[in-house]
N, C-alpha and C. Protein backbone atom coordinates (compact mmCIF):
# COMPACT_ATOMS: atom_id res chain seq x y z
N UNK A 1 -130.07 -24.33 -13.24
CA UNK A 1 -130.08 -25.72 -12.82
C UNK A 1 -129.42 -26.54 -13.93
N UNK A 2 -128.55 -27.44 -13.53
CA UNK A 2 -127.86 -28.29 -14.50
C UNK A 2 -128.40 -29.71 -14.37
N UNK A 3 -128.74 -30.29 -15.52
CA UNK A 3 -129.29 -31.64 -15.54
C UNK A 3 -129.05 -32.21 -16.93
N UNK A 4 -128.55 -33.46 -17.00
CA UNK A 4 -128.20 -34.06 -18.28
C UNK A 4 -129.42 -34.18 -19.22
N UNK A 5 -130.55 -34.58 -18.68
CA UNK A 5 -131.75 -34.71 -19.51
C UNK A 5 -132.19 -33.36 -20.06
N UNK A 6 -132.18 -32.34 -19.21
CA UNK A 6 -132.58 -31.01 -19.68
C UNK A 6 -131.62 -30.50 -20.75
N UNK A 7 -130.34 -30.80 -20.59
CA UNK A 7 -129.36 -30.39 -21.60
C UNK A 7 -129.60 -31.10 -22.92
N UNK A 8 -129.93 -32.39 -22.87
CA UNK A 8 -130.26 -33.13 -24.09
C UNK A 8 -131.47 -32.52 -24.79
N UNK A 9 -132.49 -32.19 -24.02
CA UNK A 9 -133.69 -31.59 -24.61
C UNK A 9 -133.38 -30.25 -25.28
N UNK A 10 -132.47 -29.50 -24.70
CA UNK A 10 -132.10 -28.19 -25.25
C UNK A 10 -131.21 -28.29 -26.47
N UNK A 11 -130.50 -29.41 -26.63
CA UNK A 11 -129.54 -29.50 -27.72
C UNK A 11 -130.01 -30.37 -28.89
N UNK A 12 -131.14 -31.02 -28.78
CA UNK A 12 -131.65 -31.83 -29.89
C UNK A 12 -132.09 -30.91 -31.02
N UNK A 13 -131.73 -31.25 -32.24
CA UNK A 13 -132.09 -30.47 -33.42
C UNK A 13 -132.59 -31.40 -34.52
N UNK A 14 -133.44 -30.89 -35.37
CA UNK A 14 -133.88 -31.62 -36.56
C UNK A 14 -132.78 -31.54 -37.60
N UNK A 15 -132.39 -32.69 -38.12
CA UNK A 15 -131.30 -32.77 -39.09
C UNK A 15 -131.87 -33.14 -40.45
N UNK A 16 -131.37 -32.48 -41.47
CA UNK A 16 -131.91 -32.68 -42.82
C UNK A 16 -130.84 -33.12 -43.84
N UNK A 17 -129.81 -33.80 -43.37
CA UNK A 17 -128.79 -34.39 -44.24
C UNK A 17 -128.14 -35.54 -43.47
N UNK A 18 -128.13 -36.73 -44.09
CA UNK A 18 -127.68 -37.94 -43.40
C UNK A 18 -126.60 -38.68 -44.17
N UNK A 19 -125.74 -39.34 -43.43
CA UNK A 19 -124.78 -40.26 -44.04
C UNK A 19 -125.55 -41.50 -44.50
N UNK A 20 -125.06 -42.19 -45.52
CA UNK A 20 -125.79 -43.36 -46.01
C UNK A 20 -125.69 -44.59 -45.11
N UNK A 21 -124.73 -44.60 -44.17
CA UNK A 21 -124.55 -45.80 -43.34
C UNK A 21 -125.78 -46.05 -42.46
N UNK A 22 -126.15 -47.33 -42.38
CA UNK A 22 -127.33 -47.73 -41.65
C UNK A 22 -127.12 -47.60 -40.14
N UNK A 23 -128.18 -47.30 -39.43
CA UNK A 23 -128.17 -47.21 -37.97
C UNK A 23 -127.81 -48.58 -37.39
N UNK A 24 -126.92 -48.60 -36.42
CA UNK A 24 -126.51 -49.85 -35.77
C UNK A 24 -127.72 -50.50 -35.11
N UNK A 25 -127.83 -51.83 -35.21
CA UNK A 25 -129.00 -52.53 -34.66
C UNK A 25 -129.27 -52.23 -33.18
N UNK A 26 -128.22 -52.18 -32.37
CA UNK A 26 -128.45 -51.94 -30.93
C UNK A 26 -128.95 -50.52 -30.68
N UNK A 27 -128.50 -49.56 -31.48
CA UNK A 27 -129.00 -48.18 -31.35
C UNK A 27 -130.45 -48.09 -31.79
N UNK A 28 -130.77 -48.73 -32.91
CA UNK A 28 -132.16 -48.74 -33.39
C UNK A 28 -133.07 -49.37 -32.34
N UNK A 29 -132.66 -50.51 -31.80
CA UNK A 29 -133.48 -51.19 -30.79
C UNK A 29 -133.70 -50.31 -29.57
N UNK A 30 -132.68 -49.57 -29.16
CA UNK A 30 -132.82 -48.69 -28.00
C UNK A 30 -133.81 -47.56 -28.28
N UNK A 31 -133.75 -46.98 -29.48
CA UNK A 31 -134.69 -45.91 -29.84
C UNK A 31 -136.11 -46.46 -29.89
N UNK A 32 -136.28 -47.62 -30.52
CA UNK A 32 -137.61 -48.22 -30.62
C UNK A 32 -138.17 -48.56 -29.24
N UNK A 33 -137.33 -49.12 -28.39
CA UNK A 33 -137.80 -49.46 -27.04
C UNK A 33 -138.22 -48.20 -26.28
N UNK A 34 -137.43 -47.13 -26.42
CA UNK A 34 -137.79 -45.87 -25.75
C UNK A 34 -139.18 -45.42 -26.21
N UNK A 35 -139.46 -45.56 -27.51
CA UNK A 35 -140.77 -45.17 -28.03
C UNK A 35 -141.91 -45.91 -27.37
N UNK A 36 -141.67 -47.16 -26.98
CA UNK A 36 -142.74 -47.94 -26.34
C UNK A 36 -143.02 -47.47 -24.91
N UNK A 37 -142.14 -46.63 -24.37
CA UNK A 37 -142.35 -46.10 -23.02
C UNK A 37 -142.94 -44.70 -23.03
N UNK A 38 -143.27 -44.18 -24.20
CA UNK A 38 -143.89 -42.85 -24.28
C UNK A 38 -145.26 -42.91 -23.62
N UNK A 39 -145.68 -41.79 -23.04
CA UNK A 39 -147.02 -41.78 -22.44
C UNK A 39 -148.10 -41.91 -23.51
N UNK A 40 -149.17 -42.63 -23.17
CA UNK A 40 -150.33 -42.75 -24.04
C UNK A 40 -151.59 -42.59 -23.20
N UNK A 41 -152.65 -42.12 -23.81
CA UNK A 41 -153.90 -41.91 -23.10
C UNK A 41 -154.37 -43.17 -22.40
N UNK A 42 -154.57 -43.07 -21.10
CA UNK A 42 -155.02 -44.17 -20.25
C UNK A 42 -154.10 -45.38 -20.34
N UNK A 43 -152.86 -45.18 -20.79
CA UNK A 43 -151.90 -46.27 -20.89
C UNK A 43 -152.29 -47.32 -21.92
N UNK A 44 -153.14 -46.95 -22.89
CA UNK A 44 -153.66 -47.91 -23.86
C UNK A 44 -152.67 -48.30 -24.96
N UNK A 45 -151.57 -47.57 -25.11
CA UNK A 45 -150.53 -47.92 -26.08
C UNK A 45 -151.09 -48.15 -27.48
N UNK A 46 -151.85 -47.16 -27.97
CA UNK A 46 -152.48 -47.30 -29.29
C UNK A 46 -151.50 -47.23 -30.46
N UNK A 47 -150.34 -46.58 -30.34
CA UNK A 47 -149.46 -46.48 -31.51
C UNK A 47 -148.81 -47.80 -31.91
N UNK A 48 -148.43 -47.84 -33.18
CA UNK A 48 -147.64 -48.93 -33.76
C UNK A 48 -146.44 -48.26 -34.42
N UNK A 49 -145.26 -48.78 -34.18
CA UNK A 49 -144.04 -48.24 -34.79
C UNK A 49 -143.57 -49.24 -35.86
N UNK A 50 -143.31 -48.73 -37.05
CA UNK A 50 -142.78 -49.55 -38.13
C UNK A 50 -141.39 -49.02 -38.46
N UNK A 51 -140.37 -49.85 -38.23
CA UNK A 51 -138.99 -49.46 -38.54
C UNK A 51 -138.67 -49.93 -39.95
N UNK A 52 -138.41 -48.97 -40.82
CA UNK A 52 -138.15 -49.26 -42.23
C UNK A 52 -136.66 -49.08 -42.50
N UNK A 53 -135.99 -50.18 -42.85
CA UNK A 53 -134.57 -50.11 -43.19
C UNK A 53 -134.25 -50.78 -44.52
N UNK A 54 -135.10 -51.68 -44.97
CA UNK A 54 -134.79 -52.36 -46.24
C UNK A 54 -134.91 -51.35 -47.38
N UNK A 55 -134.00 -51.41 -48.34
CA UNK A 55 -134.07 -50.49 -49.48
C UNK A 55 -135.42 -50.55 -50.21
N UNK A 56 -135.98 -51.76 -50.33
CA UNK A 56 -137.27 -51.91 -51.02
C UNK A 56 -138.37 -51.10 -50.33
N UNK A 57 -138.50 -51.26 -49.03
CA UNK A 57 -139.58 -50.57 -48.32
C UNK A 57 -139.25 -49.09 -48.10
N UNK A 58 -137.97 -48.76 -47.96
CA UNK A 58 -137.62 -47.34 -47.84
C UNK A 58 -138.04 -46.61 -49.10
N UNK A 59 -137.77 -47.21 -50.26
CA UNK A 59 -138.16 -46.62 -51.54
C UNK A 59 -139.68 -46.50 -51.64
N UNK A 60 -140.39 -47.55 -51.25
CA UNK A 60 -141.85 -47.54 -51.31
C UNK A 60 -142.45 -46.46 -50.42
N UNK A 61 -141.91 -46.33 -49.21
CA UNK A 61 -142.41 -45.32 -48.26
C UNK A 61 -142.09 -43.92 -48.78
N UNK A 62 -140.88 -43.73 -49.32
CA UNK A 62 -140.51 -42.42 -49.86
C UNK A 62 -141.44 -42.04 -51.01
N UNK A 63 -141.68 -42.96 -51.92
CA UNK A 63 -142.55 -42.66 -53.06
C UNK A 63 -143.99 -42.40 -52.62
N UNK A 64 -144.43 -43.12 -51.60
CA UNK A 64 -145.78 -42.90 -51.08
C UNK A 64 -145.90 -41.51 -50.45
N UNK A 65 -144.89 -41.09 -49.70
CA UNK A 65 -144.89 -39.75 -49.11
C UNK A 65 -144.86 -38.69 -50.21
N UNK A 66 -144.04 -38.91 -51.22
CA UNK A 66 -143.98 -37.96 -52.35
C UNK A 66 -145.34 -37.84 -53.02
N UNK A 67 -146.00 -38.97 -53.25
CA UNK A 67 -147.31 -38.98 -53.88
C UNK A 67 -148.33 -38.24 -53.01
N UNK A 68 -148.34 -38.54 -51.73
CA UNK A 68 -149.32 -37.94 -50.81
C UNK A 68 -149.13 -36.43 -50.68
N UNK A 69 -147.89 -35.98 -50.78
CA UNK A 69 -147.59 -34.56 -50.57
C UNK A 69 -147.28 -33.80 -51.85
N UNK A 70 -147.31 -34.48 -52.98
CA UNK A 70 -147.03 -33.81 -54.24
C UNK A 70 -145.61 -33.29 -54.34
N UNK A 71 -144.65 -34.08 -53.87
CA UNK A 71 -143.24 -33.69 -53.86
C UNK A 71 -142.45 -34.53 -54.84
N UNK A 72 -141.25 -34.05 -55.16
CA UNK A 72 -140.34 -34.84 -55.99
C UNK A 72 -139.06 -35.20 -55.27
N UNK A 73 -138.66 -34.41 -54.27
CA UNK A 73 -137.42 -34.70 -53.55
C UNK A 73 -137.68 -35.74 -52.45
N UNK A 74 -136.59 -36.24 -51.87
CA UNK A 74 -136.70 -37.24 -50.81
C UNK A 74 -137.18 -36.56 -49.52
N UNK A 75 -138.41 -36.83 -49.09
CA UNK A 75 -138.92 -36.18 -47.88
C UNK A 75 -138.20 -36.62 -46.61
N UNK A 76 -137.39 -37.69 -46.71
CA UNK A 76 -136.66 -38.21 -45.54
C UNK A 76 -135.18 -37.82 -45.57
N UNK A 77 -134.83 -36.90 -46.46
CA UNK A 77 -133.50 -36.29 -46.51
C UNK A 77 -132.35 -37.31 -46.61
N UNK A 78 -132.62 -38.44 -47.23
CA UNK A 78 -131.57 -39.43 -47.40
C UNK A 78 -131.29 -40.29 -46.17
N UNK A 79 -132.07 -40.14 -45.12
CA UNK A 79 -131.86 -40.96 -43.92
C UNK A 79 -132.04 -42.43 -44.28
N UNK A 80 -131.16 -43.30 -43.79
CA UNK A 80 -131.25 -44.72 -44.14
C UNK A 80 -132.38 -45.46 -43.41
N UNK A 81 -132.86 -44.89 -42.32
CA UNK A 81 -133.92 -45.51 -41.54
C UNK A 81 -135.10 -44.55 -41.45
N UNK A 82 -136.29 -45.09 -41.59
CA UNK A 82 -137.52 -44.31 -41.41
C UNK A 82 -138.33 -45.02 -40.33
N UNK A 83 -138.74 -44.27 -39.33
CA UNK A 83 -139.60 -44.82 -38.28
C UNK A 83 -140.99 -44.24 -38.46
N UNK A 84 -141.92 -45.08 -38.89
CA UNK A 84 -143.31 -44.67 -39.08
C UNK A 84 -144.07 -44.89 -37.78
N UNK A 85 -144.92 -43.94 -37.43
CA UNK A 85 -145.78 -44.11 -36.26
C UNK A 85 -147.22 -43.99 -36.73
N UNK A 86 -147.96 -45.04 -36.47
CA UNK A 86 -149.38 -45.11 -36.81
C UNK A 86 -150.13 -45.40 -35.52
N UNK A 87 -151.44 -45.14 -35.53
CA UNK A 87 -152.19 -45.40 -34.30
C UNK A 87 -153.62 -45.78 -34.64
N UNK A 88 -154.25 -46.42 -33.68
CA UNK A 88 -155.63 -46.85 -33.80
C UNK A 88 -156.54 -45.61 -33.80
N UNK A 89 -157.23 -45.34 -34.90
CA UNK A 89 -158.06 -44.13 -34.97
C UNK A 89 -159.27 -44.18 -34.06
N UNK A 90 -159.60 -45.34 -33.52
CA UNK A 90 -160.73 -45.44 -32.60
C UNK A 90 -160.38 -44.91 -31.21
N UNK A 91 -159.09 -44.73 -30.94
CA UNK A 91 -158.66 -44.14 -29.67
C UNK A 91 -158.75 -42.62 -29.82
N UNK A 92 -159.42 -41.97 -28.93
CA UNK A 92 -159.58 -40.52 -29.00
C UNK A 92 -158.27 -39.76 -28.90
N UNK A 93 -157.26 -40.40 -28.38
CA UNK A 93 -155.95 -39.75 -28.21
C UNK A 93 -154.91 -40.29 -29.18
N UNK A 94 -155.34 -40.84 -30.31
CA UNK A 94 -154.37 -41.50 -31.21
C UNK A 94 -153.30 -40.54 -31.71
N UNK A 95 -153.66 -39.31 -32.05
CA UNK A 95 -152.66 -38.37 -32.55
C UNK A 95 -151.72 -37.95 -31.43
N UNK A 96 -152.27 -37.67 -30.28
CA UNK A 96 -151.44 -37.28 -29.14
C UNK A 96 -150.52 -38.43 -28.73
N UNK A 97 -151.06 -39.64 -28.71
CA UNK A 97 -150.24 -40.81 -28.34
C UNK A 97 -149.08 -40.98 -29.31
N UNK A 98 -149.39 -40.93 -30.61
CA UNK A 98 -148.35 -41.08 -31.62
C UNK A 98 -147.33 -39.96 -31.56
N UNK A 99 -147.79 -38.75 -31.25
CA UNK A 99 -146.88 -37.60 -31.14
C UNK A 99 -145.92 -37.79 -29.97
N UNK A 100 -146.41 -38.32 -28.86
CA UNK A 100 -145.53 -38.59 -27.72
C UNK A 100 -144.49 -39.64 -28.08
N UNK A 101 -144.89 -40.66 -28.84
CA UNK A 101 -143.94 -41.70 -29.27
C UNK A 101 -142.85 -41.07 -30.13
N UNK A 102 -143.25 -40.24 -31.09
CA UNK A 102 -142.27 -39.59 -31.98
C UNK A 102 -141.30 -38.72 -31.19
N UNK A 103 -141.81 -37.92 -30.28
CA UNK A 103 -140.93 -37.04 -29.48
C UNK A 103 -139.99 -37.85 -28.60
N UNK A 104 -140.49 -38.90 -27.99
CA UNK A 104 -139.65 -39.74 -27.14
C UNK A 104 -138.53 -40.37 -27.95
N UNK A 105 -138.85 -40.85 -29.16
CA UNK A 105 -137.82 -41.47 -29.99
C UNK A 105 -136.80 -40.44 -30.48
N UNK A 106 -137.23 -39.21 -30.77
CA UNK A 106 -136.27 -38.17 -31.16
C UNK A 106 -135.29 -37.89 -30.03
N UNK A 107 -135.80 -37.79 -28.82
CA UNK A 107 -134.93 -37.52 -27.67
C UNK A 107 -133.98 -38.70 -27.41
N UNK A 108 -134.51 -39.93 -27.52
CA UNK A 108 -133.67 -41.11 -27.31
C UNK A 108 -132.57 -41.17 -28.38
N UNK A 109 -132.93 -40.88 -29.62
CA UNK A 109 -131.94 -40.89 -30.70
C UNK A 109 -130.83 -39.89 -30.40
N UNK A 110 -131.20 -38.70 -29.99
CA UNK A 110 -130.20 -37.67 -29.68
C UNK A 110 -129.29 -38.13 -28.54
N UNK A 111 -129.87 -38.74 -27.53
CA UNK A 111 -129.08 -39.22 -26.39
C UNK A 111 -128.04 -40.26 -26.83
N UNK A 112 -128.32 -40.97 -27.92
CA UNK A 112 -127.41 -42.01 -28.42
C UNK A 112 -126.45 -41.50 -29.50
N UNK A 113 -126.55 -40.22 -29.83
CA UNK A 113 -125.68 -39.66 -30.86
C UNK A 113 -126.23 -39.80 -32.27
N UNK A 114 -127.49 -40.20 -32.39
CA UNK A 114 -128.15 -40.27 -33.69
C UNK A 114 -128.86 -38.96 -33.97
N UNK A 115 -129.21 -38.77 -35.22
CA UNK A 115 -129.95 -37.57 -35.61
C UNK A 115 -131.30 -37.98 -36.17
N UNK A 116 -132.25 -37.05 -36.09
CA UNK A 116 -133.60 -37.34 -36.56
C UNK A 116 -134.28 -36.07 -37.02
N UNK A 117 -135.39 -36.26 -37.72
CA UNK A 117 -136.24 -35.16 -38.13
C UNK A 117 -137.66 -35.70 -38.26
N UNK A 118 -138.61 -35.01 -37.66
CA UNK A 118 -140.02 -35.38 -37.75
C UNK A 118 -140.49 -35.06 -39.16
N UNK A 119 -141.11 -36.02 -39.81
CA UNK A 119 -141.60 -35.86 -41.17
C UNK A 119 -143.11 -36.01 -41.17
N UNK A 120 -143.77 -35.17 -41.96
CA UNK A 120 -145.24 -35.22 -42.07
C UNK A 120 -145.66 -35.93 -43.35
N UNK A 121 -146.94 -36.20 -43.44
CA UNK A 121 -147.53 -36.78 -44.63
C UNK A 121 -148.08 -38.18 -44.40
N UNK A 122 -147.80 -38.76 -43.25
CA UNK A 122 -148.21 -40.14 -43.01
C UNK A 122 -149.73 -40.30 -42.94
N UNK A 123 -150.41 -39.30 -42.43
CA UNK A 123 -151.88 -39.40 -42.40
C UNK A 123 -152.42 -39.58 -43.81
N UNK A 124 -151.94 -38.73 -44.73
CA UNK A 124 -152.38 -38.80 -46.12
C UNK A 124 -151.88 -40.08 -46.80
N UNK A 125 -150.65 -40.47 -46.50
CA UNK A 125 -150.06 -41.67 -47.12
C UNK A 125 -150.89 -42.92 -46.88
N UNK A 126 -151.32 -43.10 -45.64
CA UNK A 126 -151.99 -44.35 -45.30
C UNK A 126 -153.50 -44.28 -45.48
N UNK A 127 -153.97 -43.18 -46.08
CA UNK A 127 -155.35 -43.11 -46.56
C UNK A 127 -155.42 -43.53 -48.02
N UNK A 128 -154.27 -43.49 -48.71
CA UNK A 128 -154.21 -43.87 -50.12
C UNK A 128 -154.30 -45.39 -50.27
N UNK A 129 -154.82 -45.88 -51.39
CA UNK A 129 -154.87 -47.33 -51.61
C UNK A 129 -153.49 -47.98 -51.52
N UNK A 130 -152.44 -47.30 -52.00
CA UNK A 130 -151.09 -47.84 -51.94
C UNK A 130 -150.61 -47.96 -50.49
N UNK A 131 -151.01 -47.02 -49.64
CA UNK A 131 -150.66 -47.07 -48.22
C UNK A 131 -151.36 -48.21 -47.52
N UNK A 132 -152.62 -48.39 -47.84
CA UNK A 132 -153.37 -49.50 -47.25
C UNK A 132 -152.79 -50.84 -47.71
N UNK A 133 -152.33 -50.89 -48.96
CA UNK A 133 -151.71 -52.12 -49.47
C UNK A 133 -150.42 -52.42 -48.71
N UNK A 134 -149.62 -51.38 -48.40
CA UNK A 134 -148.40 -51.59 -47.60
C UNK A 134 -148.75 -52.12 -46.22
N UNK A 135 -149.76 -51.54 -45.59
CA UNK A 135 -150.17 -52.01 -44.27
C UNK A 135 -150.55 -53.49 -44.33
N UNK A 136 -151.31 -53.87 -45.35
CA UNK A 136 -151.69 -55.29 -45.51
C UNK A 136 -150.45 -56.16 -45.69
N UNK A 137 -149.51 -55.68 -46.51
CA UNK A 137 -148.28 -56.43 -46.77
C UNK A 137 -147.48 -56.64 -45.48
N UNK A 138 -147.54 -55.64 -44.60
CA UNK A 138 -146.82 -55.73 -43.33
C UNK A 138 -147.61 -56.46 -42.25
N UNK A 139 -148.82 -56.90 -42.56
CA UNK A 139 -149.65 -57.61 -41.59
C UNK A 139 -150.29 -56.70 -40.56
N UNK A 140 -150.50 -55.45 -40.92
CA UNK A 140 -151.10 -54.48 -40.01
C UNK A 140 -152.52 -54.13 -40.45
N UNK A 141 -153.38 -53.71 -39.51
CA UNK A 141 -154.75 -53.32 -39.88
C UNK A 141 -154.75 -52.12 -40.83
N UNK A 142 -155.61 -52.18 -41.83
CA UNK A 142 -155.70 -51.11 -42.82
C UNK A 142 -156.26 -49.80 -42.25
N UNK A 143 -156.93 -49.89 -41.12
CA UNK A 143 -157.55 -48.68 -40.58
C UNK A 143 -156.59 -47.81 -39.76
N UNK A 144 -155.35 -48.24 -39.58
CA UNK A 144 -154.41 -47.43 -38.80
C UNK A 144 -154.25 -46.05 -39.42
N UNK A 145 -154.15 -45.07 -38.56
CA UNK A 145 -153.97 -43.68 -39.00
C UNK A 145 -152.49 -43.32 -38.88
N UNK A 146 -151.93 -42.80 -39.96
CA UNK A 146 -150.56 -42.32 -39.89
C UNK A 146 -150.49 -41.05 -39.05
N UNK A 147 -149.57 -41.01 -38.10
CA UNK A 147 -149.40 -39.83 -37.24
C UNK A 147 -148.20 -39.02 -37.71
N UNK A 148 -147.10 -39.67 -37.98
CA UNK A 148 -145.88 -39.00 -38.41
C UNK A 148 -144.78 -40.02 -38.54
N UNK A 149 -143.61 -39.54 -38.87
CA UNK A 149 -142.46 -40.45 -38.98
C UNK A 149 -141.20 -39.69 -38.62
N UNK A 150 -140.14 -40.47 -38.45
CA UNK A 150 -138.82 -39.88 -38.21
C UNK A 150 -137.86 -40.34 -39.29
N UNK A 151 -137.13 -39.39 -39.84
CA UNK A 151 -135.92 -39.71 -40.59
C UNK A 151 -134.89 -39.96 -39.50
N UNK A 152 -134.15 -41.06 -39.58
CA UNK A 152 -133.21 -41.42 -38.52
C UNK A 152 -131.90 -41.89 -39.11
N UNK A 153 -130.81 -41.39 -38.56
CA UNK A 153 -129.49 -41.81 -39.03
C UNK A 153 -128.40 -40.98 -38.39
N UNK A 154 -127.24 -41.01 -39.04
CA UNK A 154 -126.08 -40.24 -38.57
C UNK A 154 -125.99 -38.97 -39.41
N UNK A 155 -125.87 -37.85 -38.76
CA UNK A 155 -125.84 -36.57 -39.45
C UNK A 155 -124.66 -36.48 -40.41
N UNK A 156 -124.90 -35.89 -41.58
CA UNK A 156 -123.85 -35.70 -42.57
C UNK A 156 -123.05 -34.42 -42.32
N UNK A 157 -123.42 -33.67 -41.32
CA UNK A 157 -122.72 -32.43 -40.98
C UNK A 157 -123.10 -31.99 -39.59
N UNK A 158 -122.68 -30.80 -39.20
CA UNK A 158 -123.01 -30.31 -37.86
C UNK A 158 -124.51 -30.03 -37.72
N UNK A 159 -124.99 -30.18 -36.51
CA UNK A 159 -126.40 -29.88 -36.23
C UNK A 159 -126.64 -28.39 -36.40
N UNK A 160 -127.83 -28.03 -36.86
CA UNK A 160 -128.12 -26.60 -36.99
C UNK A 160 -128.16 -25.91 -35.63
N UNK A 161 -127.93 -24.63 -35.66
CA UNK A 161 -127.99 -23.84 -34.43
C UNK A 161 -129.46 -23.57 -34.08
N UNK A 162 -129.77 -23.50 -32.79
CA UNK A 162 -131.17 -23.25 -32.41
C UNK A 162 -131.57 -21.81 -32.72
N UNK A 163 -132.84 -21.65 -32.99
CA UNK A 163 -133.39 -20.31 -33.13
C UNK A 163 -133.48 -19.69 -31.74
N UNK A 164 -133.41 -18.38 -31.70
CA UNK A 164 -133.61 -17.67 -30.44
C UNK A 164 -135.02 -18.00 -29.92
N UNK A 165 -135.14 -18.23 -28.63
CA UNK A 165 -136.46 -18.51 -28.05
C UNK A 165 -137.26 -17.22 -28.03
N UNK A 166 -138.54 -17.30 -28.40
CA UNK A 166 -139.37 -16.10 -28.42
C UNK A 166 -139.60 -15.61 -26.98
N UNK A 167 -139.72 -14.32 -26.84
CA UNK A 167 -139.82 -13.72 -25.51
C UNK A 167 -141.13 -13.98 -24.81
N UNK A 168 -142.20 -14.22 -25.56
CA UNK A 168 -143.51 -14.43 -24.92
C UNK A 168 -143.92 -15.90 -24.90
N UNK A 169 -142.92 -16.79 -24.90
CA UNK A 169 -143.19 -18.22 -24.90
C UNK A 169 -143.91 -18.67 -23.62
N UNK A 170 -143.48 -18.14 -22.50
CA UNK A 170 -143.98 -18.59 -21.19
C UNK A 170 -144.73 -17.46 -20.50
N UNK A 171 -145.86 -17.79 -19.94
CA UNK A 171 -146.65 -16.83 -19.14
C UNK A 171 -146.91 -17.48 -17.79
N UNK A 172 -146.45 -16.84 -16.75
CA UNK A 172 -146.72 -17.33 -15.39
C UNK A 172 -147.87 -16.49 -14.83
N UNK A 173 -148.88 -17.17 -14.39
CA UNK A 173 -150.05 -16.44 -13.85
C UNK A 173 -150.37 -16.90 -12.46
């Protein structure tokens, strides 16, 4: 069966090297809007998306992720844009809701010719006092739980080749 959406899903890859040029505003807006249409438990829309493009906040977020994960390299692979996804921890589906937002934005980015990579560490980042301080600075509730983030930008090289699909991935019963 041939279908453009299915082909996009099959060809999206995580990219770990980015050009320094910033994502075009209309492309960023399209990716962010797509994220707002991701499914959420009972349609409650618990996630919050924070688009980080300013050098000041990109640096702060990078250093916070490094601190939370005990790393020294750039966890966002040089991507000029970071999309943070946080969610209300009082919602029982906050992690699932945020995960759907992240996946939807990755697919939307790919459809627009942008590259992305899901980055971890946000849960730990926003439990730290420095993370809570950033949330306050951004006017967001301190209790938000970090779900994940996306490195977003234009790939600095070709997309990686997909791994072979495992043979026991699907079971029909």
